Amino acid sequence: MDLKEIQNLIKFVANSGVAEVKLEMDDVKITIRTTLETNVTEATYVQQLPAQAALPQAAVPQVTAPTVVSVTPEAPAANDSKYITIKSPIIGTFYRKPSPDKPVFTEVGSSISKGDVLCVIEAMKLFNEIESEVSGKIVKILVDDMSPVEFDQPLFLVDPS
């Protein structure tokens, strides 16, 4: 396996959404890990050579992980500090509607009160209504409909004023 094939494999894995790939062949072991939140790809490349056929260090191909450059706009982060984040209390699948033929619970710009149902999260075939603990106005919905969510994952931004 040459360096070009390894680079193509790294690009393919990074774009596929897979968290980790391990590939072992006769003389090569490759582990590629990606972190979906920050789109970081980490590649570990190990080439095992017999002791008699050891090559000089310059002849062994080296693969390094791509440099991570995080671009975060400073101004919007400061603006988001005045908003309250409503987070998922459980792991499951996020739904904006109570059923496919019903309207969504809330939209961006909607006013909400404490106790209003904002969404439903399905966990193990149980549909759990997620109620607002604050009153205010929905500024942003952070999760797509029918997406998996983790515990404590931000779902909504609410302007309490």
Foldseek 3Di string as FASTA:
>chain_A
DDPVVVVVVQVVCLVPPDAWDWDDDDFKTKIWGADVVQSWIAIDIGGHDPPVPDDPPVPDDDDGTDDRDDDDDDVVVVVLVQWDFDFAQAWAWKAQAPDPVGDGQDDQFDWFAFFRFRTWGDDPNDTHTDTDRATAGWHDADDDHRHTDHHGHTGTIGNRD
